[in-house]
Amino acid sequence: MSVLRVLLWRFHGADGSGRCFPAYEKIAAAAKCHRDTVNVALKALEDAGLLTWVHRVARIRQRERDLFDRLVSVWQVIRTSNGYFFVDPLERQPGRTAAAPERDCRLNSMQH
């Protein structure tokens, strides 16, 4: 639960963008747990259907010499981090609508 709380309330949208891609080490430090615990917690959260992630990668083009001493371009793919996406559990239940974002709830309560 501490990993979920940290992801939702500390990293998710911290810059106002809604993006969430902290490193395991940052999650562990914020949740006050070990990096291995973060790995186990993320797997459990994915199995529970609360979040999913994609690997964020960077492609780097490098110039190297081949076997014949010619300069060639070589592409290297490096995983930079994971991008985490939260899933609203209400969206998966038949006949239920997704929860409204907090700001929408505040606006609706002001209008009534």
N, C-alpha and C. Protein backbone atom coordinates (compact mmCIF):
# COMPACT_ATOMS: atom_id res chain seq x y z
N MET A 1 0.82 -1.20 0.00
CA MET A 1 0.00 0.00 0.00
C MET A 1 0.86 1.26 0.00
N SER A 2 2.02 1.21 0.67
CA SER A 2 2.86 2.41 0.70
C SER A 2 3.41 2.73 -0.69
N VAL A 3 3.70 1.71 -1.49
CA VAL A 3 4.18 1.95 -2.86
C VAL A 3 3.06 2.58 -3.69
N LEU A 4 1.84 2.09 -3.56
CA LEU A 4 0.71 2.67 -4.28
C LEU A 4 0.48 4.12 -3.85
N ARG A 5 0.49 4.36 -2.55
CA ARG A 5 0.30 5.74 -2.05
C ARG A 5 1.35 6.69 -2.61
N VAL A 6 2.60 6.25 -2.59
CA VAL A 6 3.69 7.10 -3.08
C VAL A 6 3.52 7.38 -4.57
N LEU A 7 3.17 6.35 -5.34
CA LEU A 7 2.98 6.56 -6.77
C LEU A 7 1.84 7.53 -7.05
N LEU A 8 0.72 7.35 -6.34
CA LEU A 8 -0.45 8.20 -6.58
C LEU A 8 -0.27 9.62 -6.07
N TRP A 9 0.19 9.78 -4.87
CA TRP A 9 0.17 11.09 -4.23
C TRP A 9 1.47 11.86 -4.31
N ARG A 10 2.57 11.19 -4.63
CA ARG A 10 3.83 11.91 -4.70
C ARG A 10 4.34 12.06 -6.13
N PHE A 11 4.23 11.00 -6.92
CA PHE A 11 4.82 11.04 -8.25
C PHE A 11 3.81 11.28 -9.37
N HIS A 12 2.60 10.79 -9.24
CA HIS A 12 1.61 10.93 -10.31
C HIS A 12 1.20 12.38 -10.46
N GLY A 13 1.60 12.96 -11.56
CA GLY A 13 1.21 14.34 -11.83
C GLY A 13 1.86 15.37 -10.95
N ALA A 14 3.01 15.03 -10.37
CA ALA A 14 3.70 15.99 -9.50
C ALA A 14 4.03 17.27 -10.25
N ASP A 15 4.23 17.16 -11.56
CA ASP A 15 4.52 18.35 -12.36
C ASP A 15 3.27 18.89 -13.06
N GLY A 16 2.10 18.35 -12.70
CA GLY A 16 0.85 18.80 -13.29
C GLY A 16 0.51 18.13 -14.61
N SER A 17 1.35 17.23 -15.09
CA SER A 17 1.14 16.62 -16.40
C SER A 17 0.35 15.32 -16.33
N GLY A 18 0.27 14.70 -15.15
CA GLY A 18 -0.38 13.39 -15.04
C GLY A 18 0.55 12.24 -15.36
N ARG A 19 1.79 12.56 -15.73
CA ARG A 19 2.76 11.51 -16.04
C ARG A 19 3.35 10.94 -14.76
N CYS A 20 3.76 9.69 -14.82
CA CYS A 20 4.32 9.02 -13.65
C CYS A 20 5.38 8.04 -14.10
N PHE A 21 6.64 8.39 -13.90
CA PHE A 21 7.71 7.49 -14.32
C PHE A 21 8.94 7.55 -13.42
N PRO A 22 8.76 7.44 -12.10
CA PRO A 22 9.92 7.46 -11.20
C PRO A 22 10.70 6.15 -11.26
N ALA A 23 11.97 6.22 -10.95
CA ALA A 23 12.82 5.03 -10.89
C ALA A 23 12.48 4.23 -9.63
N TYR A 24 12.78 2.93 -9.68
CA TYR A 24 12.54 2.06 -8.52
C TYR A 24 13.20 2.64 -7.26
N GLU A 25 14.40 3.16 -7.41
CA GLU A 25 15.12 3.69 -6.25
C GLU A 25 14.39 4.87 -5.62
N LYS A 26 13.81 5.73 -6.46
CA LYS A 26 13.05 6.89 -5.93
C LYS A 26 11.77 6.44 -5.25
N ILE A 27 11.11 5.45 -5.84
CA ILE A 27 9.89 4.91 -5.21
C ILE A 27 10.23 4.30 -3.86
N ALA A 28 11.30 3.50 -3.83
CA ALA A 28 11.72 2.84 -2.59
C ALA A 28 12.07 3.86 -1.50
N ALA A 29 12.78 4.90 -1.88
CA ALA A 29 13.15 5.92 -0.89
C ALA A 29 11.91 6.63 -0.34
N ALA A 30 10.98 6.97 -1.22
CA ALA A 30 9.77 7.67 -0.78
C ALA A 30 8.86 6.77 0.04
N ALA A 31 8.81 5.48 -0.30
CA ALA A 31 7.95 4.54 0.43
C ALA A 31 8.65 3.94 1.64
N LYS A 32 9.93 4.27 1.81
CA LYS A 32 10.74 3.75 2.93
C LYS A 32 10.76 2.22 2.92
N CYS A 33 11.14 1.68 1.77
CA CYS A 33 11.24 0.24 1.63
C CYS A 33 12.42 -0.09 0.71
N HIS A 34 12.67 -1.36 0.51
CA HIS A 34 13.77 -1.81 -0.34
C HIS A 34 13.31 -1.84 -1.80
N ARG A 35 14.25 -1.69 -2.70
CA ARG A 35 13.97 -1.73 -4.14
C ARG A 35 13.26 -3.03 -4.54
N ASP A 36 13.65 -4.15 -3.94
CA ASP A 36 13.00 -5.43 -4.24
C ASP A 36 11.52 -5.42 -3.84
N THR A 37 11.20 -4.72 -2.76
CA THR A 37 9.81 -4.60 -2.31
C THR A 37 9.00 -3.82 -3.33
N VAL A 38 9.60 -2.81 -3.94
CA VAL A 38 8.92 -2.05 -4.99
C VAL A 38 8.58 -2.98 -6.15
N ASN A 39 9.52 -3.80 -6.54
CA ASN A 39 9.29 -4.74 -7.63
C ASN A 39 8.11 -5.67 -7.33
N VAL A 40 8.09 -6.23 -6.13
CA VAL A 40 7.00 -7.14 -5.72
C VAL A 40 5.67 -6.38 -5.67
N ALA A 41 5.69 -5.17 -5.11
CA ALA A 41 4.46 -4.37 -4.98
C ALA A 41 3.90 -4.00 -6.35
N LEU A 42 4.76 -3.62 -7.29
CA LEU A 42 4.29 -3.25 -8.63
C LEU A 42 3.66 -4.45 -9.33
N LYS A 43 4.24 -5.61 -9.16
CA LYS A 43 3.67 -6.82 -9.75
C LYS A 43 2.30 -7.12 -9.13
N ALA A 44 2.19 -6.96 -7.81
CA ALA A 44 0.90 -7.20 -7.13
C ALA A 44 -0.15 -6.19 -7.58
N LEU A 45 0.25 -4.92 -7.75
CA LEU A 45 -0.69 -3.89 -8.21
C LEU A 45 -1.15 -4.16 -9.64
N GLU A 46 -0.22 -4.66 -10.46
CA GLU A 46 -0.60 -5.02 -11.83
C GLU A 46 -1.55 -6.22 -11.83
N ASP A 47 -1.23 -7.23 -11.02
CA ASP A 47 -2.10 -8.42 -10.92
C ASP A 47 -3.49 -8.06 -10.42
N ALA A 48 -3.57 -7.04 -9.55
CA ALA A 48 -4.87 -6.59 -9.02
C ALA A 48 -5.61 -5.71 -10.02
N GLY A 49 -4.95 -5.34 -11.12
CA GLY A 49 -5.59 -4.53 -12.15
C GLY A 49 -5.64 -3.06 -11.83
N LEU A 50 -4.78 -2.59 -10.91
CA LEU A 50 -4.79 -1.18 -10.53
C LEU A 50 -3.82 -0.32 -11.33
N LEU A 51 -2.79 -0.94 -11.89
CA LEU A 51 -1.87 -0.18 -12.72
C LEU A 51 -1.22 -1.08 -13.74
N THR A 52 -0.68 -0.45 -14.74
CA THR A 52 0.12 -1.13 -15.73
C THR A 52 1.27 -0.20 -16.08
N TRP A 53 2.21 -0.70 -16.85
CA TRP A 53 3.34 0.17 -17.21
C TRP A 53 3.88 -0.20 -18.57
N VAL A 54 4.64 0.75 -19.11
CA VAL A 54 5.36 0.53 -20.35
C VAL A 54 6.81 0.89 -20.10
N HIS A 55 7.68 0.22 -20.81
CA HIS A 55 9.10 0.55 -20.71
C HIS A 55 9.36 1.80 -21.55
N ARG A 56 10.00 2.77 -20.95
CA ARG A 56 10.40 3.97 -21.67
C ARG A 56 11.83 3.74 -22.15
N VAL A 57 12.06 3.96 -23.44
CA VAL A 57 13.36 3.68 -24.02
C VAL A 57 13.89 4.89 -24.77
N ALA A 58 15.19 4.90 -24.92
CA ALA A 58 15.86 5.90 -25.75
C ALA A 58 16.71 5.14 -26.76
N ARG A 59 16.73 5.65 -27.96
CA ARG A 59 17.56 5.05 -29.01
C ARG A 59 18.74 5.97 -29.27
N ILE A 60 19.91 5.40 -29.21
CA ILE A 60 21.13 6.18 -29.37
C ILE A 60 21.89 5.67 -30.59
N ARG A 61 22.23 6.57 -31.47
CA ARG A 61 23.01 6.21 -32.66
C ARG A 61 24.47 6.49 -32.39
N GLN A 62 25.28 5.48 -32.58
CA GLN A 62 26.72 5.61 -32.35
C GLN A 62 27.47 5.23 -33.61
N ARG A 63 28.63 5.83 -33.77
CA ARG A 63 29.50 5.50 -34.89
C ARG A 63 30.59 4.58 -34.36
N GLU A 64 30.74 3.43 -35.02
CA GLU A 64 31.76 2.46 -34.63
C GLU A 64 32.46 1.93 -35.87
N ARG A 65 33.57 1.32 -35.64
CA ARG A 65 34.30 0.69 -36.74
C ARG A 65 33.88 -0.78 -36.83
N ASP A 66 33.64 -1.23 -38.07
CA ASP A 66 33.28 -2.63 -38.25
C ASP A 66 34.53 -3.49 -38.41
N LEU A 67 34.36 -4.74 -38.77
CA LEU A 67 35.49 -5.66 -38.90
C LEU A 67 36.50 -5.24 -39.97
N PHE A 68 36.03 -4.44 -40.94
CA PHE A 68 36.91 -4.00 -42.01
C PHE A 68 37.42 -2.58 -41.79
N ASP A 69 37.28 -2.09 -40.56
CA ASP A 69 37.75 -0.76 -40.15
C ASP A 69 37.00 0.38 -40.85
N ARG A 70 35.74 0.11 -41.26
CA ARG A 70 34.91 1.16 -41.83
C ARG A 70 34.01 1.72 -40.73
N LEU A 71 33.74 3.01 -40.82
CA LEU A 71 32.81 3.62 -39.87
C LEU A 71 31.38 3.27 -40.25
N VAL A 72 30.63 2.74 -39.31
CA VAL A 72 29.23 2.39 -39.53
C VAL A 72 28.39 2.94 -38.37
N SER A 73 27.10 3.11 -38.63
CA SER A 73 26.18 3.55 -37.58
C SER A 73 25.60 2.33 -36.89
N VAL A 74 25.57 2.39 -35.58
CA VAL A 74 25.00 1.32 -34.77
C VAL A 74 23.97 1.95 -33.84
N TRP A 75 22.78 1.37 -33.79
CA TRP A 75 21.72 1.87 -32.90
C TRP A 75 21.71 1.04 -31.63
N GLN A 76 21.64 1.73 -30.52
CA GLN A 76 21.56 1.06 -29.23
C GLN A 76 20.28 1.52 -28.54
N VAL A 77 19.52 0.57 -28.00
CA VAL A 77 18.28 0.88 -27.29
C VAL A 77 18.56 0.75 -25.80
N ILE A 78 18.25 1.82 -25.06
CA ILE A 78 18.49 1.84 -23.61
C ILE A 78 17.17 2.10 -22.91
N ARG A 79 16.83 1.26 -21.94
CA ARG A 79 15.63 1.49 -21.15
C ARG A 79 15.93 2.58 -20.13
N THR A 80 15.18 3.67 -20.19
CA THR A 80 15.42 4.79 -19.29
C THR A 80 14.63 4.67 -18.00
N SER A 81 13.38 4.20 -18.10
CA SER A 81 12.53 4.04 -16.92
C SER A 81 11.25 3.34 -17.34
N ASN A 82 10.32 3.23 -16.43
CA ASN A 82 8.99 2.72 -16.73
C ASN A 82 8.01 3.88 -16.65
N GLY A 83 7.01 3.86 -17.50
CA GLY A 83 5.91 4.81 -17.40
C GLY A 83 4.72 4.08 -16.80
N TYR A 84 4.20 4.57 -15.68
CA TYR A 84 3.11 3.89 -14.97
C TYR A 84 1.78 4.53 -15.32
N PHE A 85 0.77 3.69 -15.53
CA PHE A 85 -0.57 4.13 -15.85
C PHE A 85 -1.53 3.50 -14.86
N PHE A 86 -2.38 4.32 -14.24
CA PHE A 86 -3.33 3.82 -13.25
C PHE A 86 -4.65 3.49 -13.93
N VAL A 87 -5.26 2.41 -13.47
CA VAL A 87 -6.51 1.92 -14.04
C VAL A 87 -7.61 2.13 -13.01
N ASP A 88 -8.71 2.76 -13.44
CA ASP A 88 -9.86 2.96 -12.55
C ASP A 88 -10.62 1.64 -12.49
N PRO A 89 -10.68 0.99 -11.31
CA PRO A 89 -11.35 -0.30 -11.23
C PRO A 89 -12.83 -0.26 -11.58
N LEU A 90 -13.47 0.90 -11.43
CA LEU A 90 -14.90 1.00 -11.77
C LEU A 90 -15.14 0.87 -13.26
N GLU A 91 -14.15 1.23 -14.07
CA GLU A 91 -14.31 1.12 -15.53
C GLU A 91 -14.44 -0.33 -15.97
N ARG A 92 -13.96 -1.27 -15.18
CA ARG A 92 -13.97 -2.67 -15.56
C ARG A 92 -15.22 -3.40 -15.10
N GLN A 93 -16.04 -2.77 -14.27
CA GLN A 93 -17.24 -3.44 -13.75
C GLN A 93 -18.44 -3.09 -14.63
N PRO A 94 -19.19 -4.11 -15.07
CA PRO A 94 -20.35 -3.85 -15.93
C PRO A 94 -21.38 -2.97 -15.21
N GLY A 95 -21.87 -1.97 -15.93
CA GLY A 95 -22.91 -1.11 -15.38
C GLY A 95 -22.41 0.00 -14.46
N ARG A 96 -21.11 0.07 -14.22
CA ARG A 96 -20.55 1.12 -13.36
C ARG A 96 -19.84 2.15 -14.22
N THR A 97 -19.87 3.38 -13.78
CA THR A 97 -19.15 4.42 -14.50
C THR A 97 -17.89 4.76 -13.71
N ALA A 98 -16.92 5.25 -14.42
CA ALA A 98 -15.65 5.59 -13.79
C ALA A 98 -15.83 6.74 -12.82
N ALA A 99 -14.99 6.77 -11.81
CA ALA A 99 -15.03 7.85 -10.84
C ALA A 99 -14.61 9.16 -11.51
N ALA A 100 -15.27 10.23 -11.13
CA ALA A 100 -14.94 11.54 -11.69
C ALA A 100 -13.66 12.04 -11.03
N PRO A 101 -12.85 12.78 -11.78
CA PRO A 101 -11.66 13.36 -11.16
C PRO A 101 -12.06 14.28 -10.02
N GLU A 102 -11.17 14.46 -9.07
CA GLU A 102 -11.46 15.23 -7.87
C GLU A 102 -11.94 16.64 -8.20
N ARG A 103 -11.30 17.29 -9.16
CA ARG A 103 -11.69 18.67 -9.47
C ARG A 103 -13.12 18.72 -10.00
N ASP A 104 -13.55 17.70 -10.77
CA ASP A 104 -14.91 17.65 -11.27
C ASP A 104 -15.89 17.46 -10.12
N CYS A 105 -15.52 16.66 -9.13
CA CYS A 105 -16.39 16.44 -7.96
C CYS A 105 -16.59 17.76 -7.23
N ARG A 106 -15.54 18.54 -7.08
CA ARG A 106 -15.65 19.83 -6.38
C ARG A 106 -16.55 20.78 -7.17
N LEU A 107 -16.38 20.81 -8.49
CA LEU A 107 -17.21 21.70 -9.31
C LEU A 107 -18.68 21.31 -9.22
N ASN A 108 -18.97 19.99 -9.29
CA ASN A 108 -20.35 19.54 -9.21
C ASN A 108 -20.98 19.86 -7.87
N SER A 109 -20.24 19.75 -6.78
CA SER A 109 -20.80 20.03 -5.47
C SER A 109 -21.06 21.53 -5.30
N MET A 110 -20.30 22.39 -6.00
CA MET A 110 -20.52 23.83 -5.90
C MET A 110 -21.78 24.23 -6.67
N GLN A 111 -22.09 23.52 -7.74
CA GLN A 111 -23.22 23.87 -8.56
C GLN A 111 -24.55 23.46 -7.93
N HIS A 112 -24.52 22.49 -7.02
CA HIS A 112 -25.78 21.99 -6.43
C HIS A 112 -26.09 22.66 -5.14
